[in-house]
Amino acid sequence: MPGLIGKKIGMTSVFGADGKNIPCTVIEAGPCVVTQIRTVEKDGYAAVQLAYDEKKEKHTSAPLMGHFKKANTTPKRKLVEFAADFEKELNLGDQLTVADIFDNEEERWVDVTGISKGKGFQGVVKRHGFGGVGGQTHGQHNRLRAPGSMGASSWPSRVFRGKRMAGRTGGDRVKILNLKVIKVIPENNLILVKGSIPGAKGSYVIVEE
């Protein structure tokens, strides 16, 4: 499936043809450079590796520098492989932009993958949506956001694996399916998709058709 590596710029809103205000996320997608082409004969599968976002040479390892020099490009921060079903034939060093993948001529839908915002160690109410124990009345004063019982005490005398408890929240890889492309600005490599996507401002995302 063709796609691009991008960066979440932020959110805005635009007015649709019917006059409704549509919340949108702005994604800067590309330009991406082809840094490797996987083939069935050599690698066992067909794919295209794309690289995005400039990186200083002093912060790049020697093996990666050699990898980028083969593609005749500068060091990049983010590398992602995509299934090799792009419309045009690609070669090492080719650049892919928004104009190569998207256009405003037809309605498009995309899937966006990103890393959700990390929230640190959280309790069960925020992490899993628990309602808390009891209520705010009936004499209780320190158990409102408690998780409640961990299980039976006599048998099996342990907590089952997978029990929903407090712990680290967020920072997970999340994929949002079927987001409508509201607008494409090819001269700035920008895509406006309807709704929100995972991640903080400036975080990397993968946009796939």
N, C-alpha and C. Protein backbone atom coordinates (compact mmCIF):
# COMPACT_ATOMS: atom_id res chain seq x y z
N MET A 1 0.84 -1.19 0.00
CA MET A 1 0.00 0.00 0.00
C MET A 1 0.88 1.24 0.00
N PRO A 2 0.72 2.15 -0.98
CA PRO A 2 1.57 3.34 -1.01
C PRO A 2 1.29 4.26 0.17
N GLY A 3 2.32 4.97 0.58
CA GLY A 3 2.17 5.88 1.70
C GLY A 3 3.36 6.80 1.82
N LEU A 4 3.32 7.64 2.85
CA LEU A 4 4.38 8.60 3.09
C LEU A 4 4.64 8.68 4.60
N ILE A 5 5.85 9.10 4.94
CA ILE A 5 6.17 9.43 6.33
C ILE A 5 5.92 10.92 6.51
N GLY A 6 5.35 11.29 7.64
CA GLY A 6 5.05 12.70 7.86
C GLY A 6 5.24 13.11 9.30
N LYS A 7 4.80 14.30 9.58
CA LYS A 7 4.93 14.88 10.91
C LYS A 7 3.63 15.61 11.24
N LYS A 8 3.15 15.40 12.46
CA LYS A 8 1.94 16.08 12.89
C LYS A 8 2.25 17.55 13.21
N ILE A 9 1.61 18.45 12.48
CA ILE A 9 1.84 19.87 12.66
C ILE A 9 0.94 20.45 13.75
N GLY A 10 -0.31 20.02 13.77
CA GLY A 10 -1.27 20.54 14.75
C GLY A 10 -2.68 20.37 14.21
N MET A 11 -3.62 21.06 14.85
CA MET A 11 -5.02 20.97 14.44
C MET A 11 -5.56 22.34 14.04
N THR A 12 -6.55 22.30 13.17
CA THR A 12 -7.24 23.50 12.73
C THR A 12 -8.66 23.11 12.36
N SER A 13 -9.37 23.99 11.72
CA SER A 13 -10.72 23.67 11.23
C SER A 13 -10.96 24.40 9.93
N VAL A 14 -11.75 23.78 9.06
CA VAL A 14 -12.11 24.38 7.77
C VAL A 14 -13.61 24.26 7.59
N PHE A 15 -14.15 25.11 6.74
CA PHE A 15 -15.57 25.05 6.43
C PHE A 15 -15.79 24.20 5.19
N GLY A 16 -16.73 23.25 5.28
CA GLY A 16 -17.06 22.40 4.15
C GLY A 16 -17.99 23.09 3.18
N ALA A 17 -18.33 22.38 2.10
CA ALA A 17 -19.22 22.94 1.08
C ALA A 17 -20.61 23.22 1.63
N ASP A 18 -21.00 22.47 2.66
CA ASP A 18 -22.32 22.67 3.26
C ASP A 18 -22.31 23.73 4.36
N GLY A 19 -21.16 24.36 4.58
CA GLY A 19 -21.07 25.41 5.59
C GLY A 19 -20.73 24.92 6.98
N LYS A 20 -20.58 23.61 7.16
CA LYS A 20 -20.25 23.08 8.48
C LYS A 20 -18.75 23.24 8.76
N ASN A 21 -18.44 23.48 10.04
CA ASN A 21 -17.06 23.63 10.48
C ASN A 21 -16.48 22.25 10.77
N ILE A 22 -15.42 21.86 10.06
CA ILE A 22 -14.85 20.51 10.17
C ILE A 22 -13.51 20.58 10.90
N PRO A 23 -13.37 19.88 12.03
CA PRO A 23 -12.06 19.83 12.71
C PRO A 23 -11.08 18.98 11.91
N CYS A 24 -9.87 19.47 11.73
CA CYS A 24 -8.87 18.78 10.90
C CYS A 24 -7.52 18.74 11.60
N THR A 25 -6.74 17.74 11.24
CA THR A 25 -5.35 17.66 11.65
C THR A 25 -4.46 17.94 10.45
N VAL A 26 -3.45 18.78 10.64
CA VAL A 26 -2.53 19.14 9.57
C VAL A 26 -1.30 18.23 9.65
N ILE A 27 -1.00 17.54 8.55
CA ILE A 27 0.14 16.63 8.48
C ILE A 27 1.07 17.09 7.37
N GLU A 28 2.35 17.25 7.74
CA GLU A 28 3.37 17.52 6.72
C GLU A 28 3.92 16.16 6.28
N ALA A 29 3.57 15.74 5.06
CA ALA A 29 3.95 14.42 4.56
C ALA A 29 5.00 14.56 3.47
N GLY A 30 6.22 14.12 3.77
CA GLY A 30 7.30 14.20 2.79
C GLY A 30 7.96 15.57 2.79
N PRO A 31 8.90 15.78 1.83
CA PRO A 31 9.29 14.79 0.81
C PRO A 31 10.10 13.63 1.41
N CYS A 32 9.81 12.42 0.90
CA CYS A 32 10.49 11.22 1.35
C CYS A 32 11.43 10.72 0.25
N VAL A 33 12.55 10.17 0.67
CA VAL A 33 13.56 9.68 -0.27
C VAL A 33 13.59 8.15 -0.24
N VAL A 34 13.67 7.54 -1.41
CA VAL A 34 13.79 6.08 -1.50
C VAL A 34 15.22 5.69 -1.15
N THR A 35 15.39 4.97 -0.04
CA THR A 35 16.73 4.59 0.41
C THR A 35 17.03 3.11 0.24
N GLN A 36 16.01 2.30 -0.05
CA GLN A 36 16.25 0.88 -0.28
C GLN A 36 15.04 0.28 -0.99
N ILE A 37 15.31 -0.67 -1.89
CA ILE A 37 14.24 -1.38 -2.60
C ILE A 37 14.41 -2.87 -2.33
N ARG A 38 13.43 -3.46 -1.66
CA ARG A 38 13.45 -4.88 -1.35
C ARG A 38 12.81 -5.66 -2.51
N THR A 39 13.41 -6.78 -2.87
CA THR A 39 12.88 -7.61 -3.93
C THR A 39 12.65 -9.03 -3.42
N VAL A 40 11.75 -9.75 -4.08
CA VAL A 40 11.45 -11.12 -3.68
C VAL A 40 12.67 -12.01 -3.90
N GLU A 41 13.41 -11.77 -4.98
CA GLU A 41 14.57 -12.61 -5.28
C GLU A 41 15.67 -12.47 -4.22
N LYS A 42 15.90 -11.26 -3.75
CA LYS A 42 17.00 -11.02 -2.83
C LYS A 42 16.58 -11.08 -1.36
N ASP A 43 15.41 -10.50 -1.05
CA ASP A 43 14.99 -10.36 0.36
C ASP A 43 13.82 -11.26 0.74
N GLY A 44 13.16 -11.86 -0.24
CA GLY A 44 12.03 -12.72 0.07
C GLY A 44 10.70 -12.01 0.08
N TYR A 45 10.71 -10.70 -0.06
CA TYR A 45 9.46 -9.93 -0.12
C TYR A 45 9.74 -8.63 -0.87
N ALA A 46 8.69 -8.00 -1.34
CA ALA A 46 8.83 -6.76 -2.10
C ALA A 46 8.39 -5.58 -1.25
N ALA A 47 9.25 -4.57 -1.14
CA ALA A 47 8.93 -3.39 -0.35
C ALA A 47 9.83 -2.24 -0.78
N VAL A 48 9.43 -1.05 -0.37
CA VAL A 48 10.21 0.16 -0.64
C VAL A 48 10.47 0.86 0.69
N GLN A 49 11.73 1.15 0.98
CA GLN A 49 12.07 1.86 2.21
C GLN A 49 12.17 3.35 1.92
N LEU A 50 11.42 4.14 2.68
CA LEU A 50 11.44 5.58 2.53
C LEU A 50 12.08 6.21 3.77
N ALA A 51 12.75 7.34 3.57
CA ALA A 51 13.40 8.08 4.66
C ALA A 51 12.87 9.51 4.67
N TYR A 52 12.79 10.08 5.88
CA TYR A 52 12.19 11.41 6.03
C TYR A 52 12.88 12.19 7.13
N ASP A 53 12.97 13.50 6.97
CA ASP A 53 13.45 14.46 7.95
C ASP A 53 14.97 14.45 8.07
N GLU A 54 15.56 15.61 7.90
CA GLU A 54 17.02 15.76 7.89
C GLU A 54 17.62 15.48 9.26
N LYS A 55 18.86 14.95 9.24
CA LYS A 55 19.59 14.64 10.46
C LYS A 55 21.06 15.00 10.26
N LYS A 56 21.72 15.46 11.30
CA LYS A 56 23.13 15.82 11.19
C LYS A 56 24.01 14.58 11.04
N GLU A 57 25.08 14.73 10.27
CA GLU A 57 25.99 13.60 10.06
C GLU A 57 26.65 13.15 11.36
N LYS A 58 26.98 14.10 12.24
CA LYS A 58 27.67 13.73 13.49
C LYS A 58 26.78 12.91 14.42
N HIS A 59 25.47 12.93 14.18
CA HIS A 59 24.54 12.15 15.00
C HIS A 59 24.11 10.86 14.29
N THR A 60 24.77 10.53 13.18
CA THR A 60 24.41 9.34 12.40
C THR A 60 25.55 8.33 12.48
N SER A 61 25.21 7.07 12.68
CA SER A 61 26.22 6.02 12.77
C SER A 61 26.86 5.77 11.41
N ALA A 62 28.05 5.18 11.42
CA ALA A 62 28.79 4.91 10.18
C ALA A 62 28.02 3.96 9.25
N PRO A 63 27.42 2.85 9.77
CA PRO A 63 26.66 1.98 8.87
C PRO A 63 25.50 2.70 8.19
N LEU A 64 24.79 3.57 8.94
CA LEU A 64 23.69 4.30 8.34
C LEU A 64 24.17 5.32 7.33
N MET A 65 25.33 5.93 7.59
CA MET A 65 25.90 6.87 6.62
C MET A 65 26.17 6.17 5.29
N GLY A 66 26.71 4.96 5.36
CA GLY A 66 26.94 4.20 4.14
C GLY A 66 25.64 3.85 3.44
N HIS A 67 24.60 3.55 4.24
CA HIS A 67 23.28 3.23 3.69
C HIS A 67 22.71 4.42 2.92
N PHE A 68 22.85 5.61 3.49
CA PHE A 68 22.31 6.80 2.83
C PHE A 68 23.15 7.20 1.62
N LYS A 69 24.46 6.96 1.68
CA LYS A 69 25.31 7.31 0.55
C LYS A 69 25.01 6.44 -0.67
N LYS A 70 24.59 5.20 -0.45
CA LYS A 70 24.18 4.34 -1.56
C LYS A 70 23.00 4.94 -2.31
N ALA A 71 22.12 5.60 -1.56
CA ALA A 71 20.95 6.23 -2.17
C ALA A 71 21.26 7.66 -2.61
N ASN A 72 22.52 8.10 -2.39
CA ASN A 72 22.94 9.45 -2.79
C ASN A 72 22.07 10.52 -2.14
N THR A 73 21.87 10.38 -0.82
CA THR A 73 21.05 11.36 -0.10
C THR A 73 21.70 11.68 1.24
N THR A 74 21.20 12.71 1.89
CA THR A 74 21.71 13.12 3.20
C THR A 74 21.09 12.24 4.29
N PRO A 75 21.69 12.21 5.49
CA PRO A 75 21.13 11.39 6.57
C PRO A 75 19.70 11.82 6.94
N LYS A 76 18.89 10.84 7.27
CA LYS A 76 17.49 11.08 7.64
C LYS A 76 17.21 10.49 9.02
N ARG A 77 16.17 11.02 9.64
CA ARG A 77 15.82 10.59 11.00
C ARG A 77 14.90 9.37 11.02
N LYS A 78 13.97 9.29 10.10
CA LYS A 78 12.92 8.26 10.17
C LYS A 78 12.95 7.38 8.93
N LEU A 79 13.01 6.06 9.14
CA LEU A 79 13.00 5.09 8.04
C LEU A 79 11.79 4.17 8.21
N VAL A 80 11.04 3.98 7.12
CA VAL A 80 9.85 3.12 7.16
C VAL A 80 9.76 2.36 5.85
N GLU A 81 9.36 1.09 5.93
CA GLU A 81 9.14 0.29 4.73
C GLU A 81 7.66 0.25 4.39
N PHE A 82 7.37 0.35 3.08
CA PHE A 82 6.01 0.25 2.57
C PHE A 82 5.94 -0.86 1.54
N ALA A 83 4.77 -1.48 1.41
CA ALA A 83 4.58 -2.49 0.37
C ALA A 83 4.82 -1.86 -1.00
N ALA A 84 5.48 -2.61 -1.87
CA ALA A 84 5.94 -2.05 -3.15
C ALA A 84 4.83 -2.09 -4.20
N ASP A 85 3.76 -1.31 -3.99
CA ASP A 85 2.72 -1.22 -5.01
C ASP A 85 2.46 0.23 -5.38
N PHE A 86 3.54 1.03 -5.45
CA PHE A 86 3.42 2.40 -5.93
C PHE A 86 3.13 2.38 -7.43
N GLU A 87 2.45 3.43 -7.89
CA GLU A 87 2.03 3.47 -9.30
C GLU A 87 3.23 3.55 -10.24
N LYS A 88 4.25 4.33 -9.88
CA LYS A 88 5.40 4.48 -10.76
C LYS A 88 6.57 3.64 -10.25
N GLU A 89 7.47 3.29 -11.17
CA GLU A 89 8.65 2.53 -10.79
C GLU A 89 9.63 3.43 -10.04
N LEU A 90 10.13 2.95 -8.92
CA LEU A 90 11.00 3.76 -8.08
C LEU A 90 12.43 3.26 -8.13
N ASN A 91 13.36 4.19 -7.99
CA ASN A 91 14.78 3.89 -7.95
C ASN A 91 15.39 4.54 -6.72
N LEU A 92 16.59 4.08 -6.32
CA LEU A 92 17.28 4.67 -5.17
C LEU A 92 17.48 6.16 -5.39
N GLY A 93 17.18 6.94 -4.36
CA GLY A 93 17.37 8.38 -4.43
C GLY A 93 16.16 9.15 -4.93
N ASP A 94 15.13 8.45 -5.43
CA ASP A 94 13.93 9.16 -5.89
C ASP A 94 13.22 9.81 -4.71
N GLN A 95 12.59 10.96 -4.99
CA GLN A 95 11.83 11.66 -3.96
C GLN A 95 10.34 11.50 -4.21
N LEU A 96 9.60 11.26 -3.13
CA LEU A 96 8.15 11.17 -3.19
C LEU A 96 7.55 12.31 -2.38
N THR A 97 6.60 12.99 -2.97
CA THR A 97 5.94 14.12 -2.30
C THR A 97 4.44 13.86 -2.24
N VAL A 98 3.74 14.79 -1.63
CA VAL A 98 2.29 14.68 -1.53
C VAL A 98 1.65 14.63 -2.92
N ALA A 99 2.19 15.41 -3.86
CA ALA A 99 1.63 15.47 -5.21
C ALA A 99 1.72 14.11 -5.92
N ASP A 100 2.70 13.27 -5.54
CA ASP A 100 2.85 11.96 -6.18
C ASP A 100 1.83 10.95 -5.68
N ILE A 101 1.27 11.18 -4.50
CA ILE A 101 0.36 10.20 -3.89
C ILE A 101 -1.08 10.70 -3.88
N PHE A 102 -1.26 11.97 -3.51
CA PHE A 102 -2.61 12.49 -3.33
C PHE A 102 -2.89 13.61 -4.32
N ASP A 103 -4.18 13.85 -4.54
CA ASP A 103 -4.61 15.00 -5.33
C ASP A 103 -6.00 15.40 -4.84
N ASN A 104 -6.45 16.56 -5.30
CA ASN A 104 -7.75 17.08 -4.88
C ASN A 104 -8.87 16.71 -5.84
N GLU A 105 -8.55 15.86 -6.83
CA GLU A 105 -9.54 15.56 -7.86
C GLU A 105 -10.61 14.59 -7.37
N GLU A 106 -10.26 13.71 -6.45
CA GLU A 106 -11.23 12.71 -5.99
C GLU A 106 -11.17 12.60 -4.46
N GLU A 107 -12.23 12.00 -3.92
CA GLU A 107 -12.31 11.83 -2.47
C GLU A 107 -11.35 10.73 -2.04
N ARG A 108 -10.52 11.02 -1.05
CA ARG A 108 -9.51 10.06 -0.57
C ARG A 108 -9.73 9.76 0.92
N TRP A 109 -9.36 8.55 1.29
CA TRP A 109 -9.40 8.11 2.68
C TRP A 109 -8.05 7.50 3.02
N VAL A 110 -7.54 7.78 4.19
CA VAL A 110 -6.21 7.31 4.58
C VAL A 110 -6.24 6.68 5.97
N ASP A 111 -5.21 5.87 6.24
CA ASP A 111 -4.96 5.34 7.58
C ASP A 111 -3.71 6.03 8.12
N VAL A 112 -3.78 6.46 9.37
CA VAL A 112 -2.65 7.19 9.98
C VAL A 112 -2.19 6.43 11.22
N THR A 113 -0.88 6.17 11.28
CA THR A 113 -0.27 5.46 12.41
C THR A 113 0.69 6.40 13.13
N GLY A 114 0.61 6.44 14.46
CA GLY A 114 1.50 7.27 15.25
C GLY A 114 1.65 6.72 16.65
N ILE A 115 2.50 7.35 17.44
CA ILE A 115 2.70 6.98 18.85
C ILE A 115 1.88 7.94 19.71
N SER A 116 0.96 7.38 20.48
CA SER A 116 0.08 8.22 21.30
C SER A 116 0.86 8.94 22.40
N LYS A 117 0.29 9.98 22.92
CA LYS A 117 0.93 10.76 23.98
C LYS A 117 1.11 9.90 25.23
N GLY A 118 2.30 9.94 25.83
CA GLY A 118 2.54 9.23 27.07
C GLY A 118 1.99 10.02 28.25
N LYS A 119 1.33 9.32 29.17
CA LYS A 119 0.71 9.97 30.33
C LYS A 119 1.30 9.50 31.65
N GLY A 120 2.35 8.68 31.57
CA GLY A 120 2.99 8.24 32.80
C GLY A 120 2.17 7.21 33.55
N PHE A 121 2.45 7.05 34.84
CA PHE A 121 1.76 6.07 35.68
C PHE A 121 0.41 6.64 36.09
N GLN A 122 -0.67 5.95 35.74
CA GLN A 122 -2.02 6.43 36.03
C GLN A 122 -2.84 5.36 36.72
N GLY A 123 -3.85 5.79 37.44
CA GLY A 123 -4.74 4.88 38.13
C GLY A 123 -5.77 4.26 37.20
N VAL A 124 -6.62 3.40 37.77
CA VAL A 124 -7.56 2.64 36.94
C VAL A 124 -8.69 3.50 36.39
N VAL A 125 -9.03 4.60 37.05
CA VAL A 125 -10.11 5.44 36.56
C VAL A 125 -9.71 6.11 35.25
N LYS A 126 -8.50 6.65 35.20
CA LYS A 126 -8.05 7.29 33.97
C LYS A 126 -7.58 6.27 32.94
N ARG A 127 -6.94 5.20 33.41
CA ARG A 127 -6.34 4.23 32.48
C ARG A 127 -7.39 3.33 31.83
N HIS A 128 -8.37 2.87 32.60
CA HIS A 128 -9.35 1.92 32.09
C HIS A 128 -10.79 2.40 32.17
N GLY A 129 -11.01 3.59 32.72
CA GLY A 129 -12.37 4.11 32.80
C GLY A 129 -13.21 3.51 33.92
N PHE A 130 -12.56 3.04 34.99
CA PHE A 130 -13.31 2.50 36.12
C PHE A 130 -14.20 3.59 36.74
N GLY A 131 -15.29 3.17 37.36
CA GLY A 131 -16.20 4.12 37.99
C GLY A 131 -15.84 4.44 39.42
N GLY A 132 -14.87 3.72 39.97
CA GLY A 132 -14.53 3.95 41.37
C GLY A 132 -15.37 3.09 42.29
N VAL A 133 -15.00 3.01 43.55
CA VAL A 133 -15.69 2.17 44.53
C VAL A 133 -16.73 2.99 45.26
N GLY A 134 -17.95 2.45 45.36
CA GLY A 134 -19.00 3.13 46.11
C GLY A 134 -19.39 4.43 45.44
N GLY A 135 -19.54 5.47 46.23
CA GLY A 135 -19.90 6.78 45.71
C GLY A 135 -19.21 7.85 46.52
N GLN A 136 -19.64 9.07 46.36
CA GLN A 136 -19.03 10.16 47.12
C GLN A 136 -19.70 10.35 48.47
N THR A 137 -20.64 9.51 48.78
CA THR A 137 -21.35 9.63 50.05
C THR A 137 -21.24 8.31 50.82
N HIS A 138 -22.15 8.02 51.69
CA HIS A 138 -22.17 6.79 52.49
C HIS A 138 -20.94 6.67 53.38
N GLY A 139 -20.35 7.77 53.76
CA GLY A 139 -19.31 7.75 54.76
C GLY A 139 -17.92 7.42 54.27
N GLN A 140 -17.75 7.06 52.98
CA GLN A 140 -16.40 6.75 52.51
C GLN A 140 -15.66 8.04 52.20
N HIS A 141 -14.34 8.01 52.39
CA HIS A 141 -13.59 9.24 52.16
C HIS A 141 -12.27 9.01 51.43
N ASN A 142 -11.86 7.76 51.21
CA ASN A 142 -10.55 7.55 50.61
C ASN A 142 -10.52 6.40 49.61
N ARG A 143 -11.71 6.04 49.06
CA ARG A 143 -11.73 4.90 48.16
C ARG A 143 -12.42 5.22 46.83
N LEU A 144 -12.68 6.48 46.55
CA LEU A 144 -13.48 6.81 45.37
C LEU A 144 -12.83 6.34 44.07
N ARG A 145 -11.52 6.52 43.94
CA ARG A 145 -10.83 6.14 42.70
C ARG A 145 -10.02 4.85 42.86
N ALA A 146 -10.38 4.04 43.87
CA ALA A 146 -9.67 2.78 44.11
C ALA A 146 -10.14 1.72 43.12
N PRO A 147 -9.31 0.71 42.84
CA PRO A 147 -9.70 -0.32 41.85
C PRO A 147 -10.68 -1.35 42.36
N GLY A 148 -10.83 -1.47 43.68
CA GLY A 148 -11.74 -2.49 44.21
C GLY A 148 -11.02 -3.82 44.40
N SER A 149 -11.79 -4.91 44.39
CA SER A 149 -11.24 -6.24 44.67
C SER A 149 -10.30 -6.72 43.56
N MET A 150 -9.22 -7.40 43.97
CA MET A 150 -8.28 -7.97 43.01
C MET A 150 -8.68 -9.40 42.62
N GLY A 151 -9.65 -9.98 43.35
CA GLY A 151 -10.08 -11.36 43.07
C GLY A 151 -10.36 -12.09 44.38
N ALA A 152 -10.71 -13.37 44.26
CA ALA A 152 -11.05 -14.17 45.43
C ALA A 152 -9.81 -14.42 46.29
N SER A 153 -10.03 -14.47 47.61
CA SER A 153 -8.90 -14.67 48.52
C SER A 153 -8.61 -16.14 48.78
N SER A 154 -9.64 -17.01 48.79
CA SER A 154 -9.42 -18.42 49.10
C SER A 154 -8.86 -19.19 47.91
N TRP A 155 -9.44 -18.98 46.75
CA TRP A 155 -8.94 -19.62 45.52
C TRP A 155 -9.14 -18.66 44.37
N PRO A 156 -8.15 -18.42 43.52
CA PRO A 156 -6.85 -19.13 43.43
C PRO A 156 -5.75 -18.48 44.25
N SER A 157 -6.08 -17.54 45.12
CA SER A 157 -5.10 -16.89 46.01
C SER A 157 -4.01 -16.16 45.23
N ARG A 158 -4.37 -15.65 44.10
CA ARG A 158 -3.43 -14.86 43.31
C ARG A 158 -4.24 -13.96 42.37
N VAL A 159 -3.55 -13.03 41.74
CA VAL A 159 -4.20 -12.13 40.79
C VAL A 159 -3.97 -12.69 39.38
N PHE A 160 -5.03 -12.83 38.62
CA PHE A 160 -4.92 -13.38 37.28
C PHE A 160 -4.11 -12.47 36.36
N ARG A 161 -3.39 -13.08 35.46
CA ARG A 161 -2.65 -12.32 34.44
C ARG A 161 -3.64 -11.51 33.58
N GLY A 162 -3.25 -10.26 33.30
CA GLY A 162 -4.10 -9.41 32.49
C GLY A 162 -5.11 -8.60 33.28
N LYS A 163 -5.11 -8.72 34.59
CA LYS A 163 -6.02 -7.94 35.43
C LYS A 163 -5.80 -6.45 35.18
N ARG A 164 -6.87 -5.74 34.95
CA ARG A 164 -6.75 -4.30 34.70
C ARG A 164 -6.43 -3.57 36.00
N MET A 165 -5.22 -2.99 36.03
CA MET A 165 -4.75 -2.31 37.23
C MET A 165 -4.07 -1.01 36.81
N ALA A 166 -3.59 -0.27 37.81
CA ALA A 166 -2.87 0.97 37.52
C ALA A 166 -1.55 0.65 36.84
N GLY A 167 -1.04 1.60 36.05
CA GLY A 167 0.24 1.38 35.37
C GLY A 167 0.51 2.45 34.34
N ARG A 168 1.56 2.21 33.57
CA ARG A 168 1.96 3.18 32.55
C ARG A 168 0.87 3.29 31.48
N THR A 169 0.58 4.51 31.11
CA THR A 169 -0.49 4.78 30.17
C THR A 169 0.03 5.60 29.00
N GLY A 170 -0.45 5.28 27.81
CA GLY A 170 -0.05 6.03 26.61
C GLY A 170 1.28 5.56 26.08
N GLY A 171 1.81 6.28 25.08
CA GLY A 171 3.06 5.91 24.46
C GLY A 171 2.95 4.65 23.64
N ASP A 172 1.77 4.34 23.12
CA ASP A 172 1.54 3.12 22.36
C ASP A 172 1.41 3.45 20.87
N ARG A 173 1.72 2.47 20.04
CA ARG A 173 1.53 2.61 18.60
C ARG A 173 0.04 2.46 18.30
N VAL A 174 -0.54 3.49 17.70
CA VAL A 174 -1.98 3.51 17.44
C VAL A 174 -2.21 3.79 15.96
N LYS A 175 -3.14 3.04 15.36
CA LYS A 175 -3.48 3.24 13.95
C LYS A 175 -4.94 3.63 13.84
N ILE A 176 -5.20 4.78 13.24
CA ILE A 176 -6.56 5.27 13.03
C ILE A 176 -6.93 5.00 11.57
N LEU A 177 -8.04 4.29 11.36
CA LEU A 177 -8.44 3.88 10.03
C LEU A 177 -9.46 4.83 9.42
N ASN A 178 -9.41 4.93 8.10
CA ASN A 178 -10.43 5.61 7.30
C ASN A 178 -10.67 7.07 7.73
N LEU A 179 -9.61 7.86 7.68
CA LEU A 179 -9.74 9.30 7.91
C LEU A 179 -9.91 9.99 6.55
N LYS A 180 -10.87 10.85 6.45
CA LYS A 180 -11.15 11.52 5.18
C LYS A 180 -10.14 12.64 4.94
N VAL A 181 -9.58 12.67 3.73
CA VAL A 181 -8.68 13.75 3.35
C VAL A 181 -9.53 14.95 2.94
N ILE A 182 -9.46 16.02 3.72
CA ILE A 182 -10.27 17.20 3.46
C ILE A 182 -9.63 18.09 2.40
N LYS A 183 -8.31 18.26 2.50
CA LYS A 183 -7.63 19.16 1.58
C LYS A 183 -6.18 18.74 1.44
N VAL A 184 -5.62 18.95 0.26
CA VAL A 184 -4.22 18.68 -0.01
C VAL A 184 -3.57 19.97 -0.52
N ILE A 185 -2.44 20.34 0.09
CA ILE A 185 -1.68 21.53 -0.34
C ILE A 185 -0.32 21.03 -0.82
N PRO A 186 -0.21 20.61 -2.10
CA PRO A 186 1.02 19.96 -2.57
C PRO A 186 2.25 20.84 -2.54
N GLU A 187 2.09 22.17 -2.73
CA GLU A 187 3.28 23.03 -2.75
C GLU A 187 3.96 23.09 -1.39
N ASN A 188 3.23 22.80 -0.32
CA ASN A 188 3.80 22.79 1.03
C ASN A 188 3.87 21.39 1.62
N ASN A 189 3.53 20.37 0.82
CA ASN A 189 3.51 18.98 1.28
C ASN A 189 2.60 18.79 2.50
N LEU A 190 1.45 19.41 2.48
CA LEU A 190 0.52 19.34 3.61
C LEU A 190 -0.74 18.57 3.23
N ILE A 191 -1.22 17.78 4.20
CA ILE A 191 -2.48 17.06 4.06
C ILE A 191 -3.35 17.41 5.25
N LEU A 192 -4.59 17.75 5.01
CA LEU A 192 -5.56 18.00 6.08
C LEU A 192 -6.53 16.83 6.13
N VAL A 193 -6.52 16.11 7.27
CA VAL A 193 -7.43 14.97 7.43
C VAL A 193 -8.47 15.31 8.49
N LYS A 194 -9.65 14.76 8.33
CA LYS A 194 -10.75 15.03 9.25
C LYS A 194 -10.51 14.34 10.59
N GLY A 195 -10.69 15.08 11.68
CA GLY A 195 -10.57 14.49 13.01
C GLY A 195 -9.15 14.54 13.55
N SER A 196 -8.94 13.79 14.63
CA SER A 196 -7.65 13.80 15.32
C SER A 196 -6.85 12.56 14.98
N ILE A 197 -5.55 12.63 15.21
CA ILE A 197 -4.65 11.49 15.02
C ILE A 197 -3.78 11.35 16.26
N PRO A 198 -3.21 10.17 16.50
CA PRO A 198 -2.38 9.98 17.71
C PRO A 198 -1.09 10.77 17.65
N GLY A 199 -0.57 11.13 18.82
CA GLY A 199 0.73 11.78 18.89
C GLY A 199 0.65 13.24 19.26
N ALA A 200 1.80 13.77 19.70
CA ALA A 200 1.91 15.18 20.03
C ALA A 200 2.32 15.96 18.79
N LYS A 201 2.31 17.28 18.89
CA LYS A 201 2.77 18.11 17.78
C LYS A 201 4.25 17.82 17.51
N GLY A 202 4.59 17.67 16.25
CA GLY A 202 5.96 17.39 15.88
C GLY A 202 6.33 15.93 15.87
N SER A 203 5.42 15.03 16.25
CA SER A 203 5.72 13.61 16.27
C SER A 203 5.55 13.01 14.87
N TYR A 204 6.26 11.92 14.61
CA TYR A 204 6.22 11.29 13.30
C TYR A 204 4.96 10.45 13.15
N VAL A 205 4.40 10.45 11.95
CA VAL A 205 3.24 9.62 11.64
C VAL A 205 3.47 8.96 10.29
N ILE A 206 2.76 7.87 10.06
CA ILE A 206 2.80 7.16 8.78
C ILE A 206 1.43 7.26 8.14
N VAL A 207 1.38 7.79 6.94
CA VAL A 207 0.12 7.98 6.22
C VAL A 207 0.06 6.96 5.10
N GLU A 208 -0.99 6.14 5.10
CA GLU A 208 -1.16 5.11 4.07
C GLU A 208 -2.54 5.23 3.44
N GLU A 209 -2.61 4.94 2.15
CA GLU A 209 -3.91 4.94 1.48
C GLU A 209 -4.64 3.65 1.76
